[in-house]
PDB file of N, CA and C in Angstrom:
ATOM      1  N   UNK A   1      15.429   3.383  -1.221  1.00  0.00           N
ATOM      2  CA  UNK A   1      14.466   2.383  -0.789  1.00  0.00           C
ATOM      3  C   UNK A   1      13.234   2.495  -1.694  1.00  0.00           C
ATOM      4  N   UNK A   2      12.756   1.372  -2.169  1.00  0.00           N
ATOM      5  CA  UNK A   2      11.595   1.369  -3.060  1.00  0.00           C
ATOM      6  C   UNK A   2      10.305   1.570  -2.259  1.00  0.00           C
ATOM      7  N   UNK A   3       9.249   1.892  -2.957  1.00  0.00           N
ATOM      8  CA  UNK A   3       7.945   2.077  -2.308  1.00  0.00           C
ATOM      9  C   UNK A   3       7.507   0.799  -1.596  1.00  0.00           C
ATOM     10  N   UNK A   4       7.809  -0.340  -2.197  1.00  0.00           N
ATOM     11  CA  UNK A   4       7.447  -1.619  -1.582  1.00  0.00           C
ATOM     12  C   UNK A   4       8.184  -1.807  -0.262  1.00  0.00           C
ATOM     13  N   UNK A   5       9.468  -1.491  -0.275  1.00  0.00           N
ATOM     14  CA  UNK A   5      10.284  -1.624   0.931  1.00  0.00           C
ATOM     15  C   UNK A   5       9.830  -0.662   2.020  1.00  0.00           C
ATOM     16  N   UNK A   6       9.496   0.567   1.616  1.00  0.00           N
ATOM     17  CA  UNK A   6       9.023   1.542   2.601  1.00  0.00           C
ATOM     18  C   UNK A   6       7.712   1.093   3.236  1.00  0.00           C
ATOM     19  N   UNK A   7       6.778   0.629   2.409  1.00  0.00           N
ATOM     20  CA  UNK A   7       5.497   0.165   2.937  1.00  0.00           C
ATOM     21  C   UNK A   7       5.676  -1.034   3.851  1.00  0.00           C
ATOM     22  N   UNK A   8       6.534  -1.945   3.446  1.00  0.00           N
ATOM     23  CA  UNK A   8       6.778  -3.135   4.254  1.00  0.00           C
ATOM     24  C   UNK A   8       7.412  -2.772   5.603  1.00  0.00           C
ATOM     25  N   UNK A   9       8.382  -1.876   5.573  1.00  0.00           N
ATOM     26  CA  UNK A   9       9.037  -1.453   6.812  1.00  0.00           C
ATOM     27  C   UNK A   9       8.050  -0.735   7.729  1.00  0.00           C
ATOM     28  N   UNK A  10       7.273   0.169   7.157  1.00  0.00           N
ATOM     29  CA  UNK A  10       6.287   0.908   7.942  1.00  0.00           C
ATOM     30  C   UNK A  10       5.228  -0.022   8.510  1.00  0.00           C
ATOM     31  N   UNK A  11       4.796  -0.959   7.727  1.00  0.00           N
ATOM     32  CA  UNK A  11       3.797  -1.934   8.174  1.00  0.00           C
ATOM     33  C   UNK A  11       4.344  -2.766   9.336  1.00  0.00           C
ATOM     34  N   UNK A  12       5.570  -3.205   9.203  1.00  0.00           N
ATOM     35  CA  UNK A  12       6.208  -3.996  10.262  1.00  0.00           C
ATOM     36  C   UNK A  12       6.315  -3.187  11.559  1.00  0.00           C
ATOM     37  N   UNK A  13       6.712  -1.934  11.439  1.00  0.00           N
ATOM     38  CA  UNK A  13       6.803  -1.067  12.623  1.00  0.00           C
ATOM     39  C   UNK A  13       5.429  -0.894  13.266  1.00  0.00           C
ATOM     40  N   UNK A  14       4.429  -0.656  12.439  1.00  0.00           N
ATOM     41  CA  UNK A  14       3.074  -0.422  12.954  1.00  0.00           C
ATOM     42  C   UNK A  14       2.494  -1.658  13.624  1.00  0.00           C
ATOM     43  N   UNK A  15       2.858  -2.825  13.154  1.00  0.00           N
ATOM     44  CA  UNK A  15       2.332  -4.055  13.751  1.00  0.00           C
ATOM     45  C   UNK A  15       2.937  -4.299  15.138  1.00  0.00           C
ATOM     46  N   UNK A  16       4.070  -3.655  15.425  1.00  0.00           N
ATOM     47  CA  UNK A  16       4.711  -3.816  16.725  1.00  0.00           C
ATOM     48  C   UNK A  16       4.588  -2.573  17.604  1.00  0.00           C
ATOM     49  N   UNK A  17       3.995  -1.523  17.077  1.00  0.00           N
ATOM     50  CA  UNK A  17       3.835  -0.274  17.820  1.00  0.00           C
ATOM     51  C   UNK A  17       2.364   0.150  17.713  1.00  0.00           C
ATOM     52  N   UNK A  18       1.615  -0.123  18.775  1.00  0.00           N
ATOM     53  CA  UNK A  18       0.175   0.134  18.760  1.00  0.00           C
ATOM     54  C   UNK A  18      -0.151   1.604  18.478  1.00  0.00           C
ATOM     55  N   UNK A  19       0.630   2.517  19.044  1.00  0.00           N
ATOM     56  CA  UNK A  19       0.373   3.947  18.830  1.00  0.00           C
ATOM     57  C   UNK A  19       0.534   4.317  17.361  1.00  0.00           C
ATOM     58  N   UNK A  20       1.584   3.821  16.729  1.00  0.00           N
ATOM     59  CA  UNK A  20       1.803   4.091  15.306  1.00  0.00           C
ATOM     60  C   UNK A  20       0.692   3.482  14.468  1.00  0.00           C
ATOM     61  N   UNK A  21       0.300   2.278  14.808  1.00  0.00           N
ATOM     62  CA  UNK A  21      -0.788   1.610  14.095  1.00  0.00           C
ATOM     63  C   UNK A  21      -2.059   2.454  14.154  1.00  0.00           C
ATOM     64  N   UNK A  22      -2.392   2.967  15.314  1.00  0.00           N
ATOM     65  CA  UNK A  22      -3.596   3.794  15.473  1.00  0.00           C
ATOM     66  C   UNK A  22      -3.495   5.093  14.682  1.00  0.00           C
ATOM     67  N   UNK A  23      -2.308   5.691  14.683  1.00  0.00           N
ATOM     68  CA  UNK A  23      -2.100   6.933  13.917  1.00  0.00           C
ATOM     69  C   UNK A  23      -2.366   6.673  12.436  1.00  0.00           C
ATOM     70  N   UNK A  24      -1.832   5.588  11.934  1.00  0.00           N
ATOM     71  CA  UNK A  24      -2.027   5.261  10.515  1.00  0.00           C
ATOM     72  C   UNK A  24      -3.478   4.914  10.219  1.00  0.00           C
ATOM     73  N   UNK A  25      -4.105   4.158  11.103  1.00  0.00           N
ATOM     74  CA  UNK A  25      -5.518   3.804  10.900  1.00  0.00           C
ATOM     75  C   UNK A  25      -6.415   5.040  10.932  1.00  0.00           C
ATOM     76  N   UNK A  26      -6.067   6.037  11.726  1.00  0.00           N
ATOM     77  CA  UNK A  26      -6.862   7.260  11.805  1.00  0.00           C
ATOM     78  C   UNK A  26      -6.871   8.023  10.482  1.00  0.00           C
ATOM     79  N   UNK A  27      -5.830   7.850   9.673  1.00  0.00           N
ATOM     80  CA  UNK A  27      -5.802   8.546   8.378  1.00  0.00           C
ATOM     81  C   UNK A  27      -6.939   8.069   7.477  1.00  0.00           C
ATOM     82  N   UNK A  28      -7.436   6.876   7.716  1.00  0.00           N
ATOM     83  CA  UNK A  28      -8.541   6.330   6.914  1.00  0.00           C
ATOM     84  C   UNK A  28      -9.841   7.106   7.127  1.00  0.00           C
ATOM     85  N   UNK A  29      -9.928   7.836   8.237  1.00  0.00           N
ATOM     86  CA  UNK A  29     -11.148   8.576   8.570  1.00  0.00           C
ATOM     87  C   UNK A  29     -11.128  10.010   8.057  1.00  0.00           C
ATOM     88  N   UNK A  30     -10.023  10.408   7.456  1.00  0.00           N
ATOM     89  CA  UNK A  30      -9.905  11.768   6.930  1.00  0.00           C
ATOM     90  C   UNK A  30     -10.737  11.933   5.660  1.00  0.00           C
ATOM     91  N   UNK A  31     -11.005  13.173   5.294  1.00  0.00           N
ATOM     92  CA  UNK A  31     -11.769  13.454   4.084  1.00  0.00           C
ATOM     93  C   UNK A  31     -11.052  12.924   2.836  1.00  0.00           C
ATOM     94  N   UNK A  32      -9.729  13.045   2.809  1.00  0.00           N
ATOM     95  CA  UNK A  32      -8.893  12.529   1.718  1.00  0.00           C
ATOM     96  C   UNK A  32      -7.910  11.527   2.326  1.00  0.00           C
ATOM     97  N   UNK A  33      -8.354  10.283   2.579  1.00  0.00           N
ATOM     98  CA  UNK A  33      -7.525   9.329   3.316  1.00  0.00           C
ATOM     99  C   UNK A  33      -6.179   9.001   2.671  1.00  0.00           C
ATOM    100  N   UNK A  34      -6.127   8.885   1.361  1.00  0.00           N
ATOM    101  CA  UNK A  34      -4.866   8.575   0.698  1.00  0.00           C
ATOM    102  C   UNK A  34      -3.850   9.694   0.921  1.00  0.00           C
ATOM    103  N   UNK A  35      -4.300  10.928   0.773  1.00  0.00           N
ATOM    104  CA  UNK A  35      -3.403  12.068   0.979  1.00  0.00           C
ATOM    105  C   UNK A  35      -2.985  12.176   2.440  1.00  0.00           C
ATOM    106  N   UNK A  36      -3.903  11.916   3.351  1.00  0.00           N
ATOM    107  CA  UNK A  36      -3.588  11.953   4.775  1.00  0.00           C
ATOM    108  C   UNK A  36      -2.558  10.882   5.135  1.00  0.00           C
ATOM    109  N   UNK A  37      -2.728   9.693   4.562  1.00  0.00           N
ATOM    110  CA  UNK A  37      -1.783   8.608   4.803  1.00  0.00           C
ATOM    111  C   UNK A  37      -0.395   8.991   4.294  1.00  0.00           C
ATOM    112  N   UNK A  38      -0.326   9.496   3.073  1.00  0.00           N
ATOM    113  CA  UNK A  38       0.965   9.868   2.496  1.00  0.00           C
ATOM    114  C   UNK A  38       1.627  10.991   3.300  1.00  0.00           C
ATOM    115  N   UNK A  39       0.841  11.952   3.740  1.00  0.00           N
ATOM    116  CA  UNK A  39       1.385  13.041   4.555  1.00  0.00           C
ATOM    117  C   UNK A  39       1.966  12.484   5.846  1.00  0.00           C
ATOM    118  N   UNK A  40       1.256  11.556   6.480  1.00  0.00           N
ATOM    119  CA  UNK A  40       1.745  10.950   7.720  1.00  0.00           C
ATOM    120  C   UNK A  40       3.021  10.166   7.452  1.00  0.00           C
ATOM    121  N   UNK A  41       3.062   9.436   6.339  1.00  0.00           N
ATOM    122  CA  UNK A  41       4.271   8.691   5.972  1.00  0.00           C
ATOM    123  C   UNK A  41       5.459   9.640   5.839  1.00  0.00           C
ATOM    124  N   UNK A  42       5.235  10.769   5.184  1.00  0.00           N
ATOM    125  CA  UNK A  42       6.303  11.747   4.999  1.00  0.00           C
ATOM    126  C   UNK A  42       6.763  12.308   6.338  1.00  0.00           C
ATOM    127  N   UNK A  43       5.837  12.562   7.242  1.00  0.00           N
ATOM    128  CA  UNK A  43       6.195  13.040   8.584  1.00  0.00           C
ATOM    129  C   UNK A  43       7.047  12.015   9.323  1.00  0.00           C
ATOM    130  N   UNK A  44       6.820  10.741   9.014  1.00  0.00           N
ATOM    131  CA  UNK A  44       7.560   9.658   9.657  1.00  0.00           C
ATOM    132  C   UNK A  44       8.871   9.330   8.933  1.00  0.00           C
ATOM    133  N   UNK A  45       9.155  10.081   7.868  1.00  0.00           N
ATOM    134  CA  UNK A  45      10.417   9.898   7.155  1.00  0.00           C
ATOM    135  C   UNK A  45      10.356   8.979   5.945  1.00  0.00           C
ATOM    136  N   UNK A  46       9.156   8.623   5.528  1.00  0.00           N
ATOM    137  CA  UNK A  46       8.973   7.766   4.353  1.00  0.00           C
ATOM    138  C   UNK A  46       8.441   8.624   3.213  1.00  0.00           C
ATOM    139  N   UNK A  47       9.219   8.762   2.168  1.00  0.00           N
ATOM    140  CA  UNK A  47       8.838   9.596   1.025  1.00  0.00           C
ATOM    141  C   UNK A  47       7.860   8.833   0.132  1.00  0.00           C
ATOM    142  N   UNK A  48       6.632   8.768   0.600  1.00  0.00           N
ATOM    143  CA  UNK A  48       5.554   8.090  -0.128  1.00  0.00           C
ATOM    144  C   UNK A  48       4.552   9.149  -0.558  1.00  0.00           C
ATOM    145  N   UNK A  49       4.278   9.181  -1.850  1.00  0.00           N
ATOM    146  CA  UNK A  49       3.362  10.165  -2.421  1.00  0.00           C
ATOM    147  C   UNK A  49       2.207   9.431  -3.105  1.00  0.00           C
ATOM    148  N   UNK A  50       1.045  10.073  -3.185  1.00  0.00           N
ATOM    149  CA  UNK A  50      -0.140   9.404  -3.734  1.00  0.00           C
ATOM    150  C   UNK A  50       0.071   8.761  -5.104  1.00  0.00           C
ATOM    151  N   UNK A  51       0.639   9.482  -6.048  1.00  0.00           N
ATOM    152  CA  UNK A  51       0.795   8.920  -7.396  1.00  0.00           C
ATOM    153  C   UNK A  51       1.802   7.775  -7.415  1.00  0.00           C
ATOM    154  N   UNK A  52       2.833   7.859  -6.587  1.00  0.00           N
ATOM    155  CA  UNK A  52       3.787   6.748  -6.497  1.00  0.00           C
ATOM    156  C   UNK A  52       3.098   5.504  -5.967  1.00  0.00           C
ATOM    157  N   UNK A  53       2.230   5.695  -4.984  1.00  0.00           N
ATOM    158  CA  UNK A  53       1.516   4.581  -4.375  1.00  0.00           C
ATOM    159  C   UNK A  53       0.568   3.930  -5.380  1.00  0.00           C
ATOM    160  N   UNK A  54      -0.154   4.731  -6.122  1.00  0.00           N
ATOM    161  CA  UNK A  54      -1.070   4.219  -7.149  1.00  0.00           C
ATOM    162  C   UNK A  54      -0.278   3.508  -8.244  1.00  0.00           C
ATOM    163  N   UNK A  55       0.792   4.144  -8.703  1.00  0.00           N
ATOM    164  CA  UNK A  55       1.606   3.566  -9.765  1.00  0.00           C
ATOM    165  C   UNK A  55       2.255   2.257  -9.325  1.00  0.00           C
ATOM    166  N   UNK A  56       2.702   2.182  -8.085  1.00  0.00           N
ATOM    167  CA  UNK A  56       3.331   0.952  -7.576  1.00  0.00           C
ATOM    168  C   UNK A  56       2.349  -0.205  -7.626  1.00  0.00           C
ATOM    169  N   UNK A  57       1.113   0.050  -7.264  1.00  0.00           N
ATOM    170  CA  UNK A  57       0.103  -0.995  -7.309  1.00  0.00           C
ATOM    171  C   UNK A  57      -0.164  -1.467  -8.718  1.00  0.00           C
ATOM    172  N   UNK A  58      -0.233  -0.531  -9.646  1.00  0.00           N
ATOM    173  CA  UNK A  58      -0.480  -0.891 -11.041  1.00  0.00           C
ATOM    174  C   UNK A  58       0.693  -1.673 -11.619  1.00  0.00           C
ATOM    175  N   UNK A  59       1.915  -1.276 -11.290  1.00  0.00           N
ATOM    176  CA  UNK A  59       3.099  -1.993 -11.779  1.00  0.00           C
ATOM    177  C   UNK A  59       3.148  -3.402 -11.201  1.00  0.00           C
ATOM    178  N   UNK A  60       2.843  -3.523  -9.923  1.00  0.00           N
ATOM    179  CA  UNK A  60       2.843  -4.826  -9.262  1.00  0.00           C
ATOM    180  C   UNK A  60       1.824  -5.752  -9.915  1.00  0.00           C
ATOM    181  N   UNK A  61       0.631  -5.216 -10.154  1.00  0.00           N
ATOM    182  CA  UNK A  61      -0.435  -6.003 -10.766  1.00  0.00           C
ATOM    183  C   UNK A  61      -0.064  -6.406 -12.196  1.00  0.00           C
ATOM    184  N   UNK A  62       0.522  -5.482 -12.948  1.00  0.00           N
ATOM    185  CA  UNK A  62       0.916  -5.782 -14.329  1.00  0.00           C
ATOM    186  C   UNK A  62       1.969  -6.882 -14.352  1.00  0.00           C
ATOM    187  N   UNK A  63       2.892  -6.855 -13.420  1.00  0.00           N
ATOM    188  CA  UNK A  63       3.917  -7.901 -13.329  1.00  0.00           C
ATOM    189  C   UNK A  63       3.274  -9.253 -13.036  1.00  0.00           C
ATOM    190  N   UNK A  64       2.309  -9.272 -12.126  1.00  0.00           N
ATOM    191  CA  UNK A  64       1.611 -10.522 -11.816  1.00  0.00           C
ATOM    192  C   UNK A  64       0.862 -11.037 -13.033  1.00  0.00           C
ATOM    193  N   UNK A  65       0.199 -10.155 -13.756  1.00  0.00           N
ATOM    194  CA  UNK A  65      -0.559 -10.590 -14.949  1.00  0.00           C
ATOM    195  C   UNK A  65       0.363 -11.155 -16.009  1.00  0.00           C
ATOM    196  N   UNK A  66       1.527 -10.535 -16.195  1.00  0.00           N
ATOM    197  CA  UNK A  66       2.472 -11.034 -17.199  1.00  0.00           C
ATOM    198  C   UNK A  66       3.001 -12.409 -16.817  1.00  0.00           C
ATOM    199  N   UNK A  67       3.074 -12.686 -15.532  1.00  0.00           N
ATOM    200  CA  UNK A  67       3.626 -13.969 -15.100  1.00  0.00           C
ATOM    201  C   UNK A  67       2.581 -15.084 -15.093  1.00  0.00           C
ATOM    202  N   UNK A  68       1.324 -14.759 -15.393  1.00  0.00           N
ATOM    203  CA  UNK A  68       0.240 -15.744 -15.381  1.00  0.00           C
ATOM    204  C   UNK A  68      -0.217 -16.020 -16.803  1.00  0.00           C
ATOM    205  N   UNK A  69      -0.061 -17.228 -17.241  1.00  0.00           N
ATOM    206  CA  UNK A  69      -0.511 -17.632 -18.583  1.00  0.00           C
ATOM    207  C   UNK A  69       0.010 -16.711 -19.673  1.00  0.00           C
ATOM    208  N   UNK A  70       1.222 -16.249 -19.532  1.00  0.00           N
ATOM    209  CA  UNK A  70       1.805 -15.387 -20.549  1.00  0.00           C
ATOM    210  C   UNK A  70       1.287 -13.969 -20.529  1.00  0.00           C
ATOM    211  N   UNK A  71       0.437 -13.645 -19.586  1.00  0.00           N
ATOM    212  CA  UNK A  71      -0.051 -12.282 -19.437  1.00  0.00           C
ATOM    213  C   UNK A  71      -1.084 -11.853 -20.447  1.00  0.00           C
ATOM    214  N   UNK A  72      -1.641 -12.771 -21.157  1.00  0.00           N
ATOM    215  CA  UNK A  72      -2.634 -12.419 -22.173  1.00  0.00           C
ATOM    216  C   UNK A  72      -3.992 -12.116 -21.567  1.00  0.00           C
ATOM    217  N   UNK A  73      -4.950 -11.972 -22.430  1.00  0.00           N
ATOM    218  CA  UNK A  73      -6.301 -11.649 -22.009  1.00  0.00           C
ATOM    219  C   UNK A  73      -6.936 -12.749 -21.169  1.00  0.00           C
ATOM    220  N   UNK A  74      -6.395 -13.965 -21.236  1.00  0.00           N
ATOM    221  CA  UNK A  74      -6.952 -15.072 -20.470  1.00  0.00           C
ATOM    222  C   UNK A  74      -6.408 -15.149 -19.050  1.00  0.00           C
ATOM    223  N   UNK A  75      -5.541 -14.215 -18.688  1.00  0.00           N
ATOM    224  CA  UNK A  75      -5.009 -14.201 -17.329  1.00  0.00           C
ATOM    225  C   UNK A  75      -6.149 -13.914 -16.358  1.00  0.00           C
ATOM    226  N   UNK A  76      -6.128 -14.546 -15.191  1.00  0.00           N
ATOM    227  CA  UNK A  76      -7.225 -14.341 -14.248  1.00  0.00           C
ATOM    228  C   UNK A  76      -7.250 -12.920 -13.686  1.00  0.00           C
ATOM    229  N   UNK A  77      -8.436 -12.440 -13.428  1.00  0.00           N
ATOM    230  CA  UNK A  77      -8.587 -11.144 -12.769  1.00  0.00           C
ATOM    231  C   UNK A  77      -8.330 -11.350 -11.280  1.00  0.00           C
ATOM    232  N   UNK A  78      -7.507 -10.518 -10.717  1.00  0.00           N
ATOM    233  CA  UNK A  78      -7.173 -10.612  -9.306  1.00  0.00           C
ATOM    234  C   UNK A  78      -7.696  -9.354  -8.627  1.00  0.00           C
ATOM    235  N   UNK A  79      -8.855  -9.438  -8.058  1.00  0.00           N
ATOM    236  CA  UNK A  79      -9.518  -8.271  -7.477  1.00  0.00           C
ATOM    237  C   UNK A  79      -8.687  -7.656  -6.357  1.00  0.00           C
ATOM    238  N   UNK A  80      -8.451  -6.358  -6.465  1.00  0.00           N
ATOM    239  CA  UNK A  80      -7.781  -5.626  -5.415  1.00  0.00           C
ATOM    240  C   UNK A  80      -6.277  -5.751  -5.381  1.00  0.00           C
ATOM    241  N   UNK A  81      -5.722  -6.554  -6.240  1.00  0.00           N
ATOM    242  CA  UNK A  81      -4.273  -6.779  -6.215  1.00  0.00           C
ATOM    243  C   UNK A  81      -3.490  -5.588  -6.748  1.00  0.00           C
ATOM    244  N   UNK A  82      -4.175  -4.589  -7.277  1.00  0.00           N
ATOM    245  CA  UNK A  82      -3.474  -3.433  -7.820  1.00  0.00           C
ATOM    246  C   UNK A  82      -3.506  -2.239  -6.875  1.00  0.00           C
ATOM    247  N   UNK A  83      -3.943  -2.429  -5.655  1.00  0.00           N
ATOM    248  CA  UNK A  83      -4.097  -1.318  -4.724  1.00  0.00           C
ATOM    249  C   UNK A  83      -3.200  -1.525  -3.498  1.00  0.00           C
ATOM    250  N   UNK A  84      -1.982  -0.999  -3.572  1.00  0.00           N
ATOM    251  CA  UNK A  84      -1.017  -1.180  -2.486  1.00  0.00           C
ATOM    252  C   UNK A  84      -1.507  -0.521  -1.192  1.00  0.00           C
ATOM    253  N   UNK A  85      -2.229   0.576  -1.326  1.00  0.00           N
ATOM    254  CA  UNK A  85      -2.785   1.280  -0.166  1.00  0.00           C
ATOM    255  C   UNK A  85      -3.762   0.378   0.584  1.00  0.00           C
ATOM    256  N   UNK A  86      -4.695  -0.210  -0.128  1.00  0.00           N
ATOM    257  CA  UNK A  86      -5.680  -1.088   0.513  1.00  0.00           C
ATOM    258  C   UNK A  86      -5.031  -2.359   1.061  1.00  0.00           C
ATOM    259  N   UNK A  87      -4.074  -2.901   0.329  1.00  0.00           N
ATOM    260  CA  UNK A  87      -3.376  -4.091   0.812  1.00  0.00           C
ATOM    261  C   UNK A  87      -2.614  -3.788   2.102  1.00  0.00           C
ATOM    262  N   UNK A  88      -2.004  -2.621   2.170  1.00  0.00           N
ATOM    263  CA  UNK A  88      -1.282  -2.196   3.374  1.00  0.00           C
ATOM    264  C   UNK A  88      -2.223  -2.221   4.579  1.00  0.00           C
ATOM    265  N   UNK A  89      -3.386  -1.619   4.416  1.00  0.00           N
ATOM    266  CA  UNK A  89      -4.326  -1.527   5.532  1.00  0.00           C
ATOM    267  C   UNK A  89      -5.029  -2.844   5.830  1.00  0.00           C
ATOM    268  N   UNK A  90      -5.211  -3.669   4.838  1.00  0.00           N
ATOM    269  CA  UNK A  90      -5.810  -4.983   5.076  1.00  0.00           C
ATOM    270  C   UNK A  90      -4.931  -5.779   6.040  1.00  0.00           C
ATOM    271  N   UNK A  91      -3.644  -5.782   5.783  1.00  0.00           N
ATOM    272  CA  UNK A  91      -2.707  -6.504   6.661  1.00  0.00           C
ATOM    273  C   UNK A  91      -2.686  -5.848   8.035  1.00  0.00           C
ATOM    274  N   UNK A  92      -2.624  -4.528   8.071  1.00  0.00           N
ATOM    275  CA  UNK A  92      -2.544  -3.806   9.337  1.00  0.00           C
ATOM    276  C   UNK A  92      -3.792  -4.053  10.196  1.00  0.00           C
ATOM    277  N   UNK A  93      -4.949  -4.028   9.590  1.00  0.00           N
ATOM    278  CA  UNK A  93      -6.185  -4.209  10.337  1.00  0.00           C
ATOM    279  C   UNK A  93      -6.348  -5.627  10.859  1.00  0.00           C
ATOM    280  N   UNK A  94      -5.719  -6.580  10.197  1.00  0.00           N
ATOM    281  CA  UNK A  94      -5.827  -7.979  10.627  1.00  0.00           C
ATOM    282  C   UNK A  94      -4.775  -8.367  11.658  1.00  0.00           C
ATOM    283  N   UNK A  95      -3.835  -7.477  11.914  1.00  0.00           N
ATOM    284  CA  UNK A  95      -2.786  -7.822  12.879  1.00  0.00           C
ATOM    285  C   UNK A  95      -3.134  -7.380  14.282  1.00  0.00           C
TER     286      UNK A  95
END
């Protein structure tokens, strides 16, 4: 299962399970929130690690840039689109 699939599955579960949602949201209050989130994911059976999460966001963003205007320097800047961690929580907090 890819990092995208794991995040999507976990997000879907959390949106339907209030207790899980709260557990994940609480990781944001830790001293090292990214590491706390990844540790919680691993406890829940999702092999998500900090560098994989960062790299996934960068790869996703690079793919989007390449698909826009040929991916050159004139491609629009998409603020925050390279941060899968923040995108995960943005959706979770709005649900």
